[in-house]
Amino acid sequence: MFDVAVDLGLPVKLHAEQLSNIGGTQLAARYKALSADHVEYATDADAKALAGAGSVAVILPGAFYTLRETQAPPIQLFRDHGVPMALATDCNPGSSPLTSPLLTMNMPARYSA
């Protein structure tokens, strides 16, 4: 699917490493994705790959909170490797019913302290 998207000149994004590490960030980086979203289980190698690709690591605190995830995204690795980061609500009824941008910005500050 990514090959076809690239052939059509369409940018790609990928939900990756949300509940485990299955190589999604590496795939996203290989295709120079706009972003890899969730990334709780991203590794040092994943952070390096995202940095090299110029891809954004999107942190989704609503899903993290709602699913009671215990593995936090490796924020310091992203900082260390210069990976751009963004926050998003991931608004969906199953795993992230969060709609508030203000709460989305507050949650990482609160839970990383």
C-alpha atoms as a PDB file:
ATOM      1  CA  MET A   1       0.000   0.000   0.000  1.00  0.00           C
ATOM      2  CA  PHE A   2       2.819   2.416   0.829  1.00  0.00           C
ATOM      3  CA  ASP A   3       4.477   1.674  -2.526  1.00  0.00           C
ATOM      4  CA  VAL A   4       1.289   2.674  -4.339  1.00  0.00           C
ATOM      5  CA  ALA A   5       0.912   5.801  -2.200  1.00  0.00           C
ATOM      6  CA  VAL A   6       4.481   6.852  -2.975  1.00  0.00           C
ATOM      7  CA  ASP A   7       3.968   6.143  -6.692  1.00  0.00           C
ATOM      8  CA  LEU A   8       0.932   8.426  -6.573  1.00  0.00           C
ATOM      9  CA  GLY A   9       2.844  11.127  -4.717  1.00  0.00           C
ATOM     10  CA  LEU A  10       0.764  10.706  -1.562  1.00  0.00           C
ATOM     11  CA  PRO A  11       2.357  11.099   1.864  1.00  0.00           C
ATOM     12  CA  VAL A  12       1.962   8.233   4.320  1.00  0.00           C
ATOM     13  CA  LYS A  13       1.374   8.024   8.068  1.00  0.00           C
ATOM     14  CA  LEU A  14       1.343   4.977  10.294  1.00  0.00           C
ATOM     15  CA  HIS A  15       0.055   4.023  13.714  1.00  0.00           C
ATOM     16  CA  ALA A  16       3.104   2.232  15.076  1.00  0.00           C
ATOM     17  CA  GLU A  17       4.379   0.542  18.209  1.00  0.00           C
ATOM     18  CA  GLN A  18       1.234   1.252  20.217  1.00  0.00           C
ATOM     19  CA  LEU A  19       0.932  -2.011  22.146  1.00  0.00           C
ATOM     20  CA  SER A  20       4.235  -3.634  21.211  1.00  0.00           C
ATOM     21  CA  ASN A  21       7.139  -3.118  18.840  1.00  0.00           C
ATOM     22  CA  ILE A  22       6.441  -4.776  15.508  1.00  0.00           C
ATOM     23  CA  GLY A  23       8.612  -2.649  13.227  1.00  0.00           C
ATOM     24  CA  GLY A  24       6.091   0.034  12.329  1.00  0.00           C
ATOM     25  CA  THR A  25       8.382   2.981  12.983  1.00  0.00           C
ATOM     26  CA  GLN A  26      11.077   1.435  10.813  1.00  0.00           C
ATOM     27  CA  LEU A  27       8.534   0.974   8.010  1.00  0.00           C
ATOM     28  CA  ALA A  28       7.312   4.551   8.430  1.00  0.00           C
ATOM     29  CA  ALA A  29      10.878   5.853   8.314  1.00  0.00           C
ATOM     30  CA  ARG A  30      11.724   3.782   5.246  1.00  0.00           C
ATOM     31  CA  TYR A  31       8.890   5.539   3.397  1.00  0.00           C
ATOM     32  CA  LYS A  32       9.692   8.950   4.921  1.00  0.00           C
ATOM     33  CA  ALA A  33       6.233   9.054   6.482  1.00  0.00           C
ATOM     34  CA  LEU A  34       4.797  12.324   7.700  1.00  0.00           C
ATOM     35  CA  SER A  35       4.421  10.678  11.089  1.00  0.00           C
ATOM     36  CA  ALA A  36       4.468   7.554  13.186  1.00  0.00           C
ATOM     37  CA  ASP A  37       1.652   7.760  15.725  1.00  0.00           C
ATOM     38  CA  HIS A  38       1.494   6.244  19.247  1.00  0.00           C
ATOM     39  CA  VAL A  39       5.127   4.996  19.403  1.00  0.00           C
ATOM     40  CA  GLU A  40       4.969   3.913  23.055  1.00  0.00           C
ATOM     41  CA  TYR A  41       7.192   0.916  22.303  1.00  0.00           C
ATOM     42  CA  ALA A  42       9.642   2.662  19.964  1.00  0.00           C
ATOM     43  CA  THR A  43      13.307   1.881  20.515  1.00  0.00           C
ATOM     44  CA  ASP A  44      16.530   3.832  20.182  1.00  0.00           C
ATOM     45  CA  ALA A  45      16.923   2.467  16.635  1.00  0.00           C
ATOM     46  CA  ASP A  46      13.362   3.567  15.867  1.00  0.00           C
ATOM     47  CA  ALA A  47      14.079   7.085  17.116  1.00  0.00           C
ATOM     48  CA  LYS A  48      17.214   7.263  14.959  1.00  0.00           C
ATOM     49  CA  ALA A  49      15.239   6.072  11.924  1.00  0.00           C
ATOM     50  CA  LEU A  50      12.478   8.632  12.464  1.00  0.00           C
ATOM     51  CA  ALA A  51      15.048  11.395  12.872  1.00  0.00           C
ATOM     52  CA  GLY A  52      16.806  10.378   9.672  1.00  0.00           C
ATOM     53  CA  ALA A  53      13.541  10.315   7.766  1.00  0.00           C
ATOM     54  CA  GLY A  54      12.328  13.630   9.159  1.00  0.00           C
ATOM     55  CA  SER A  55       9.169  11.919  10.405  1.00  0.00           C
ATOM     56  CA  VAL A  56       7.198  13.236  13.366  1.00  0.00           C
ATOM     57  CA  ALA A  57       6.548  11.068  16.430  1.00  0.00           C
ATOM     58  CA  VAL A  58       2.934  11.739  17.402  1.00  0.00           C
ATOM     59  CA  ILE A  59       2.162  11.206  21.067  1.00  0.00           C
ATOM     60  CA  LEU A  60      -1.461  10.257  21.816  1.00  0.00           C
ATOM     61  CA  PRO A  61      -1.996  10.658  25.561  1.00  0.00           C
ATOM     62  CA  GLY A  62      -5.745   9.975  25.410  1.00  0.00           C
ATOM     63  CA  ALA A  63      -5.210   6.451  24.107  1.00  0.00           C
ATOM     64  CA  PHE A  64      -2.379   5.906  26.589  1.00  0.00           C
ATOM     65  CA  TYR A  65      -4.673   6.944  29.449  1.00  0.00           C
ATOM     66  CA  THR A  66      -7.859   5.199  28.305  1.00  0.00           C
ATOM     67  CA  LEU A  67      -6.130   1.878  27.631  1.00  0.00           C
ATOM     68  CA  ARG A  68      -4.230   2.124  30.930  1.00  0.00           C
ATOM     69  CA  GLU A  69      -0.990   1.583  29.075  1.00  0.00           C
ATOM     70  CA  THR A  70       2.082   1.250  31.270  1.00  0.00           C
ATOM     71  CA  GLN A  71       4.763   1.748  28.614  1.00  0.00           C
ATOM     72  CA  ALA A  72       5.270   5.476  28.066  1.00  0.00           C
ATOM     73  CA  PRO A  73       6.583   6.807  24.755  1.00  0.00           C
ATOM     74  CA  PRO A  74      10.374   7.245  24.844  1.00  0.00           C
ATOM     75  CA  ILE A  75      10.271  11.042  24.870  1.00  0.00           C
ATOM     76  CA  GLN A  76      13.900  11.415  25.912  1.00  0.00           C
ATOM     77  CA  LEU A  77      15.077   9.211  23.032  1.00  0.00           C
ATOM     78  CA  PHE A  78      13.127  11.378  20.622  1.00  0.00           C
ATOM     79  CA  ARG A  79      14.700  14.480  22.154  1.00  0.00           C
ATOM     80  CA  ASP A  80      18.179  12.949  22.083  1.00  0.00           C
ATOM     81  CA  HIS A  81      17.877  12.153  18.373  1.00  0.00           C
ATOM     82  CA  GLY A  82      16.096  15.355  17.371  1.00  0.00           C
ATOM     83  CA  VAL A  83      12.832  13.691  16.382  1.00  0.00           C
ATOM     84  CA  PRO A  84      10.065  16.266  15.987  1.00  0.00           C
ATOM     85  CA  MET A  85       7.114  15.464  18.243  1.00  0.00           C
ATOM     86  CA  ALA A  86       3.450  16.386  18.158  1.00  0.00           C
ATOM     87  CA  LEU A  87       0.433  15.750  20.356  1.00  0.00           C
ATOM     88  CA  ALA A  88      -2.964  14.601  19.106  1.00  0.00           C
ATOM     89  CA  THR A  89      -6.255  13.441  20.600  1.00  0.00           C
ATOM     90  CA  ASP A  90      -6.615  10.254  18.510  1.00  0.00           C
ATOM     91  CA  CYS A  91     -10.333  10.844  19.066  1.00  0.00           C
ATOM     92  CA  ASN A  92     -12.213   7.575  18.639  1.00  0.00           C
ATOM     93  CA  PRO A  93     -14.843   5.886  20.792  1.00  0.00           C
ATOM     94  CA  GLY A  94     -12.937   2.670  21.404  1.00  0.00           C
ATOM     95  CA  SER A  95      -9.571   3.692  22.742  1.00  0.00           C
ATOM     96  CA  SER A  96      -9.469   7.475  23.011  1.00  0.00           C
ATOM     97  CA  PRO A  97     -12.728   9.362  23.519  1.00  0.00           C
ATOM     98  CA  LEU A  98     -10.661  12.505  24.144  1.00  0.00           C
ATOM     99  CA  THR A  99     -11.718  15.575  22.144  1.00  0.00           C
ATOM    100  CA  SER A 100     -10.078  18.380  24.103  1.00  0.00           C
ATOM    101  CA  PRO A 101      -6.854  19.860  22.714  1.00  0.00           C
ATOM    102  CA  LEU A 102      -6.247  21.536  26.099  1.00  0.00           C
ATOM    103  CA  LEU A 103      -6.488  18.249  27.980  1.00  0.00           C
ATOM    104  CA  THR A 104      -4.329  16.612  25.307  1.00  0.00           C
ATOM    105  CA  MET A 105      -1.615  19.180  26.017  1.00  0.00           C
ATOM    106  CA  ASN A 106      -2.012  18.875  29.784  1.00  0.00           C
ATOM    107  CA  MET A 107      -1.866  15.084  30.060  1.00  0.00           C
ATOM    108  CA  PRO A 108       1.781  14.579  29.014  1.00  0.00           C
ATOM    109  CA  ALA A 109       2.885  17.353  31.348  1.00  0.00           C
ATOM    110  CA  ARG A 110       1.001  15.741  34.218  1.00  0.00           C
ATOM    111  CA  TYR A 111       1.945  12.129  33.581  1.00  0.00           C
ATOM    112  CA  SER A 112       5.608  12.728  32.809  1.00  0.00           C
ATOM    113  CA  ALA A 113       6.273  14.678  36.004  1.00  0.00           C
END
